[in-house]
Amino acid sequence: MEEILILQMGGTIDKDYPKTRHGYAFEVGEPAVRRVLARLRPARSVIIKLETICRKDSMDITDEDRSALAERVTGATQGKVVVTHGTDTLLHTSTYLANILRAHGVTNKTIVFTGAHTPERFRDTDADFNVGVALGGVQAAAHGVWVAMNGILLPWDRVDRDDTGQFVPRRRQLPVTV
């Protein structure tokens, strides 16, 4: 079985209660996917390596962070990569990565972006479900960049967010940019 690389970018999935005294805002902490995997208990044949690129709210992710992600993905020996990311700019980062991979002729990797609308620390989180779909998707999908959110697994250029923030199939095709 091929090793799956999971890369943390931050976002709501990783948000935790403040650890500092008199803290009032959530902090992006350790990768929530560790706790999710402990609960999901994937098959022993699924080998996972976990690394952190950054720990930021997705609204604070910069093109430098996206570039670091692209460098790690293109340099990875793994062909299957899951990226945990905040929902606000997940589509922006997946588009950025898809364009970088295309520009560099990288066609032998399957990358699946996922996240959560509610922090993994909350009881009613969607993190477990989304990570599970991403792990299954990265093993089954063709090479390319995908999004696994809200029970869908679609190529990066076939996903939109509706008025409620849910990820839904895109109704129209976007022009390709490089």
C-alpha atoms as a PDB file:
ATOM      1  CA  MET A   1       0.000   0.000   0.000  1.00  0.00           C
ATOM      2  CA  GLU A   2       1.250   3.462  -0.892  1.00  0.00           C
ATOM      3  CA  GLU A   3       1.953   6.001   1.848  1.00  0.00           C
ATOM      4  CA  ILE A   4      -0.475   8.945   2.108  1.00  0.00           C
ATOM      5  CA  LEU A   5       1.026  12.318   3.008  1.00  0.00           C
ATOM      6  CA  ILE A   6      -1.262  14.616   5.016  1.00  0.00           C
ATOM      7  CA  LEU A   7      -0.277  18.283   5.068  1.00  0.00           C
ATOM      8  CA  GLN A   8      -1.725  20.738   7.592  1.00  0.00           C
ATOM      9  CA  MET A   9      -2.385  24.313   6.496  1.00  0.00           C
ATOM     10  CA  GLY A  10      -4.638  25.255   9.427  1.00  0.00           C
ATOM     11  CA  GLY A  11      -8.176  26.565   9.350  1.00  0.00           C
ATOM     12  CA  THR A  12     -11.280  25.792  11.351  1.00  0.00           C
ATOM     13  CA  ILE A  13     -10.586  22.052  11.425  1.00  0.00           C
ATOM     14  CA  ASP A  14      -7.508  22.763  13.602  1.00  0.00           C
ATOM     15  CA  LYS A  15      -8.975  25.541  15.741  1.00  0.00           C
ATOM     16  CA  ASP A  16      -8.833  25.068  19.479  1.00  0.00           C
ATOM     17  CA  TYR A  17      -9.746  27.022  22.552  1.00  0.00           C
ATOM     18  CA  PRO A  18      -7.176  29.673  23.548  1.00  0.00           C
ATOM     19  CA  LYS A  19      -4.283  28.319  25.604  1.00  0.00           C
ATOM     20  CA  THR A  20      -3.162  31.719  26.855  1.00  0.00           C
ATOM     21  CA  ARG A  21      -4.546  33.362  29.937  1.00  0.00           C
ATOM     22  CA  HIS A  22      -7.296  35.849  29.116  1.00  0.00           C
ATOM     23  CA  GLY A  23      -7.375  34.555  25.538  1.00  0.00           C
ATOM     24  CA  TYR A  24     -10.591  35.248  23.698  1.00  0.00           C
ATOM     25  CA  ALA A  25     -10.059  33.987  20.171  1.00  0.00           C
ATOM     26  CA  PHE A  26      -9.599  30.474  18.869  1.00  0.00           C
ATOM     27  CA  GLU A  27      -6.043  29.404  18.092  1.00  0.00           C
ATOM     28  CA  VAL A  28      -4.953  27.137  15.261  1.00  0.00           C
ATOM     29  CA  GLY A  29      -3.224  24.293  17.064  1.00  0.00           C
ATOM     30  CA  GLU A  30      -1.835  20.834  16.506  1.00  0.00           C
ATOM     31  CA  PRO A  31      -3.157  18.915  13.501  1.00  0.00           C
ATOM     32  CA  ALA A  32      -6.714  17.826  14.306  1.00  0.00           C
ATOM     33  CA  VAL A  33      -6.322  14.994  11.829  1.00  0.00           C
ATOM     34  CA  ARG A  34      -4.278  13.091  14.474  1.00  0.00           C
ATOM     35  CA  ARG A  35      -7.342  12.913  16.732  1.00  0.00           C
ATOM     36  CA  VAL A  36      -9.627  12.184  13.789  1.00  0.00           C
ATOM     37  CA  LEU A  37      -7.460   9.256  12.692  1.00  0.00           C
ATOM     38  CA  ALA A  38      -7.433   7.885  16.239  1.00  0.00           C
ATOM     39  CA  ARG A  39     -11.240   7.812  16.139  1.00  0.00           C
ATOM     40  CA  LEU A  40     -11.599   6.607  12.533  1.00  0.00           C
ATOM     41  CA  ARG A  41      -8.951   3.903  12.910  1.00  0.00           C
ATOM     42  CA  PRO A  42      -8.160   3.461   9.210  1.00  0.00           C
ATOM     43  CA  ALA A  43      -7.083   0.025   8.003  1.00  0.00           C
ATOM     44  CA  ARG A  44      -3.572  -0.947   9.040  1.00  0.00           C
ATOM     45  CA  SER A  45      -2.671  -1.068   5.369  1.00  0.00           C
ATOM     46  CA  VAL A  46      -3.199   2.708   5.131  1.00  0.00           C
ATOM     47  CA  ILE A  47       0.175   4.245   5.940  1.00  0.00           C
ATOM     48  CA  ILE A  48       0.020   7.932   6.824  1.00  0.00           C
ATOM     49  CA  LYS A  49       2.702  10.577   7.230  1.00  0.00           C
ATOM     50  CA  LEU A  50       1.651  13.922   8.716  1.00  0.00           C
ATOM     51  CA  GLU A  51       3.454  17.259   8.320  1.00  0.00           C
ATOM     52  CA  THR A  52       2.622  20.905   8.975  1.00  0.00           C
ATOM     53  CA  ILE A  53       3.087  23.585   6.317  1.00  0.00           C
ATOM     54  CA  CYS A  54       1.492  26.355   8.375  1.00  0.00           C
ATOM     55  CA  ARG A  55      -1.036  26.821  11.177  1.00  0.00           C
ATOM     56  CA  LYS A  56      -3.152  29.739  10.076  1.00  0.00           C
ATOM     57  CA  ASP A  57      -6.737  30.741   9.666  1.00  0.00           C
ATOM     58  CA  SER A  58      -7.297  30.378   5.947  1.00  0.00           C
ATOM     59  CA  MET A  59      -7.989  34.100   5.598  1.00  0.00           C
ATOM     60  CA  ASP A  60      -4.387  34.673   6.752  1.00  0.00           C
ATOM     61  CA  ILE A  61      -2.780  32.210   4.311  1.00  0.00           C
ATOM     62  CA  THR A  62      -0.496  34.004   1.876  1.00  0.00           C
ATOM     63  CA  ASP A  63       0.870  33.118  -1.537  1.00  0.00           C
ATOM     64  CA  GLU A  64       4.164  32.394   0.246  1.00  0.00           C
ATOM     65  CA  ASP A  65       2.325  29.727   2.276  1.00  0.00           C
ATOM     66  CA  ARG A  66       0.736  28.397  -0.910  1.00  0.00           C
ATOM     67  CA  SER A  67       4.149  28.311  -2.557  1.00  0.00           C
ATOM     68  CA  ALA A  68       5.541  26.325   0.397  1.00  0.00           C
ATOM     69  CA  LEU A  69       2.660  23.876  -0.024  1.00  0.00           C
ATOM     70  CA  ALA A  70       3.333  23.572  -3.754  1.00  0.00           C
ATOM     71  CA  GLU A  71       7.048  22.955  -3.126  1.00  0.00           C
ATOM     72  CA  ARG A  72       6.274  20.238  -0.576  1.00  0.00           C
ATOM     73  CA  VAL A  73       3.733  18.537  -2.854  1.00  0.00           C
ATOM     74  CA  THR A  74       5.950  18.627  -5.938  1.00  0.00           C
ATOM     75  CA  GLY A  75       8.954  17.391  -3.942  1.00  0.00           C
ATOM     76  CA  ALA A  76       7.061  14.636  -2.127  1.00  0.00           C
ATOM     77  CA  THR A  77       7.889  11.028  -2.863  1.00  0.00           C
ATOM     78  CA  GLN A  78       4.256  10.238  -2.086  1.00  0.00           C
ATOM     79  CA  GLY A  79       1.799  10.273  -4.960  1.00  0.00           C
ATOM     80  CA  LYS A  80      -1.228  10.642  -2.687  1.00  0.00           C
ATOM     81  CA  VAL A  81      -1.586  13.808  -0.607  1.00  0.00           C
ATOM     82  CA  VAL A  82      -4.397  15.100   1.624  1.00  0.00           C
ATOM     83  CA  VAL A  83      -4.311  18.791   2.551  1.00  0.00           C
ATOM     84  CA  THR A  84      -6.291  20.023   5.553  1.00  0.00           C
ATOM     85  CA  HIS A  85      -7.213  23.658   5.018  1.00  0.00           C
ATOM     86  CA  GLY A  86      -9.630  26.337   6.164  1.00  0.00           C
ATOM     87  CA  THR A  87     -12.848  26.554   4.183  1.00  0.00           C
ATOM     88  CA  ASP A  88     -12.757  30.286   3.397  1.00  0.00           C
ATOM     89  CA  THR A  89      -9.833  30.075   0.966  1.00  0.00           C
ATOM     90  CA  LEU A  90      -9.682  26.330   0.287  1.00  0.00           C
ATOM     91  CA  LEU A  91     -10.830  26.812  -3.299  1.00  0.00           C
ATOM     92  CA  HIS A  92      -8.269  29.583  -3.851  1.00  0.00           C
ATOM     93  CA  THR A  93      -5.412  27.393  -2.607  1.00  0.00           C
ATOM     94  CA  SER A  94      -6.572  24.341  -4.556  1.00  0.00           C
ATOM     95  CA  THR A  95      -6.711  26.470  -7.723  1.00  0.00           C
ATOM     96  CA  TYR A  96      -3.246  27.875  -6.990  1.00  0.00           C
ATOM     97  CA  LEU A  97      -1.812  24.382  -6.489  1.00  0.00           C
ATOM     98  CA  ALA A  98      -3.517  22.951  -9.591  1.00  0.00           C
ATOM     99  CA  ASN A  99      -2.075  25.756 -11.721  1.00  0.00           C
ATOM    100  CA  ILE A 100       1.439  25.305 -10.261  1.00  0.00           C
ATOM    101  CA  LEU A 101       1.322  21.547 -10.853  1.00  0.00           C
ATOM    102  CA  ARG A 102       0.135  22.079 -14.429  1.00  0.00           C
ATOM    103  CA  ALA A 103       2.849  24.691 -15.091  1.00  0.00           C
ATOM    104  CA  HIS A 104       5.533  22.306 -13.812  1.00  0.00           C
ATOM    105  CA  GLY A 105       4.133  19.308 -15.681  1.00  0.00           C
ATOM    106  CA  VAL A 106       3.405  17.354 -12.493  1.00  0.00           C
ATOM    107  CA  THR A 107       0.779  14.812 -13.531  1.00  0.00           C
ATOM    108  CA  ASN A 108       1.518  11.845 -11.256  1.00  0.00           C
ATOM    109  CA  LYS A 109      -0.053  13.001  -7.989  1.00  0.00           C
ATOM    110  CA  THR A 110      -3.506  12.875  -6.447  1.00  0.00           C
ATOM    111  CA  ILE A 111      -4.140  15.725  -4.009  1.00  0.00           C
ATOM    112  CA  VAL A 112      -7.356  16.038  -2.005  1.00  0.00           C
ATOM    113  CA  PHE A 113      -8.195  19.191  -0.041  1.00  0.00           C
ATOM    114  CA  THR A 114     -10.519  18.986   2.943  1.00  0.00           C
ATOM    115  CA  GLY A 115     -11.389  20.908   6.086  1.00  0.00           C
ATOM    116  CA  ALA A 116     -14.324  21.507   8.390  1.00  0.00           C
ATOM    117  CA  HIS A 117     -16.999  24.121   8.927  1.00  0.00           C
ATOM    118  CA  THR A 118     -16.885  23.450  12.684  1.00  0.00           C
ATOM    119  CA  PRO A 119     -13.684  22.878  14.701  1.00  0.00           C
ATOM    120  CA  GLU A 120     -12.762  19.220  15.234  1.00  0.00           C
ATOM    121  CA  ARG A 121     -12.867  19.870  18.990  1.00  0.00           C
ATOM    122  CA  PHE A 122     -16.653  20.446  18.814  1.00  0.00           C
ATOM    123  CA  ARG A 123     -19.116  17.588  19.233  1.00  0.00           C
ATOM    124  CA  ASP A 124     -21.081  18.385  16.070  1.00  0.00           C
ATOM    125  CA  THR A 125     -18.014  18.763  13.846  1.00  0.00           C
ATOM    126  CA  ASP A 126     -17.938  17.638  10.238  1.00  0.00           C
ATOM    127  CA  ALA A 127     -14.169  17.030  10.461  1.00  0.00           C
ATOM    128  CA  ASP A 128     -14.350  13.234  10.863  1.00  0.00           C
ATOM    129  CA  PHE A 129     -16.684  12.844   7.900  1.00  0.00           C
ATOM    130  CA  ASN A 130     -14.663  15.139   5.641  1.00  0.00           C
ATOM    131  CA  VAL A 131     -11.315  13.533   6.536  1.00  0.00           C
ATOM    132  CA  GLY A 132     -12.821  10.090   5.916  1.00  0.00           C
ATOM    133  CA  VAL A 133     -14.077  11.126   2.477  1.00  0.00           C
ATOM    134  CA  ALA A 134     -10.675  12.672   1.693  1.00  0.00           C
ATOM    135  CA  LEU A 135      -8.779   9.526   2.712  1.00  0.00           C
ATOM    136  CA  GLY A 136     -11.038   7.332   0.600  1.00  0.00           C
ATOM    137  CA  GLY A 137     -10.951   9.820  -2.244  1.00  0.00           C
ATOM    138  CA  VAL A 138      -7.176  10.165  -2.391  1.00  0.00           C
ATOM    139  CA  GLN A 139      -6.924   6.395  -2.774  1.00  0.00           C
ATOM    140  CA  ALA A 140      -9.616   6.113  -5.453  1.00  0.00           C
ATOM    141  CA  ALA A 141      -9.486   9.308  -7.516  1.00  0.00           C
ATOM    142  CA  ALA A 142      -7.437   9.876 -10.650  1.00  0.00           C
ATOM    143  CA  HIS A 143      -4.356  12.083 -10.567  1.00  0.00           C
ATOM    144  CA  GLY A 144      -5.122  15.767 -10.094  1.00  0.00           C
ATOM    145  CA  VAL A 145      -6.375  18.183  -7.445  1.00  0.00           C
ATOM    146  CA  TRP A 146      -9.677  17.368  -5.744  1.00  0.00           C
ATOM    147  CA  VAL A 147     -11.931  18.790  -3.019  1.00  0.00           C
ATOM    148  CA  ALA A 148     -13.647  16.571  -0.453  1.00  0.00           C
ATOM    149  CA  MET A 149     -16.219  18.544   1.525  1.00  0.00           C
ATOM    150  CA  ASN A 150     -19.847  18.018   2.508  1.00  0.00           C
ATOM    151  CA  GLY A 151     -19.899  14.469   1.107  1.00  0.00           C
ATOM    152  CA  ILE A 152     -18.665  15.372  -2.367  1.00  0.00           C
ATOM    153  CA  LEU A 153     -15.384  14.569  -4.060  1.00  0.00           C
ATOM    154  CA  LEU A 154     -14.913  16.731  -7.121  1.00  0.00           C
ATOM    155  CA  PRO A 155     -12.036  18.131  -9.153  1.00  0.00           C
ATOM    156  CA  TRP A 156     -10.927  21.574  -7.922  1.00  0.00           C
ATOM    157  CA  ASP A 157     -12.410  23.308 -10.978  1.00  0.00           C
ATOM    158  CA  ARG A 158     -15.846  21.707 -10.548  1.00  0.00           C
ATOM    159  CA  VAL A 159     -16.594  22.991  -7.003  1.00  0.00           C
ATOM    160  CA  ASP A 160     -18.301  26.156  -5.757  1.00  0.00           C
ATOM    161  CA  ARG A 161     -19.642  27.353  -2.413  1.00  0.00           C
ATOM    162  CA  ASP A 162     -23.306  28.219  -2.188  1.00  0.00           C
ATOM    163  CA  ASP A 163     -24.934  31.019  -0.175  1.00  0.00           C
ATOM    164  CA  THR A 164     -24.850  28.878   2.993  1.00  0.00           C
ATOM    165  CA  GLY A 165     -21.119  28.128   2.653  1.00  0.00           C
ATOM    166  CA  GLN A 166     -21.630  24.520   1.597  1.00  0.00           C
ATOM    167  CA  PHE A 167     -19.374  23.108  -1.099  1.00  0.00           C
ATOM    168  CA  VAL A 168     -21.453  22.111  -4.121  1.00  0.00           C
ATOM    169  CA  PRO A 169     -20.867  20.991  -7.716  1.00  0.00           C
ATOM    170  CA  ARG A 170     -20.087  23.933  -9.990  1.00  0.00           C
ATOM    171  CA  ARG A 171     -22.709  24.568 -12.639  1.00  0.00           C
ATOM    172  CA  ARG A 172     -20.309  26.111 -15.172  1.00  0.00           C
ATOM    173  CA  GLN A 173     -16.773  25.293 -16.217  1.00  0.00           C
ATOM    174  CA  LEU A 174     -14.031  27.824 -15.387  1.00  0.00           C
ATOM    175  CA  PRO A 175     -11.440  28.819 -17.971  1.00  0.00           C
ATOM    176  CA  VAL A 176      -8.018  27.315 -17.306  1.00  0.00           C
ATOM    177  CA  THR A 177      -5.290  29.754 -16.250  1.00  0.00           C
ATOM    178  CA  VAL A 178      -1.587  29.145 -15.954  1.00  0.00           C
END
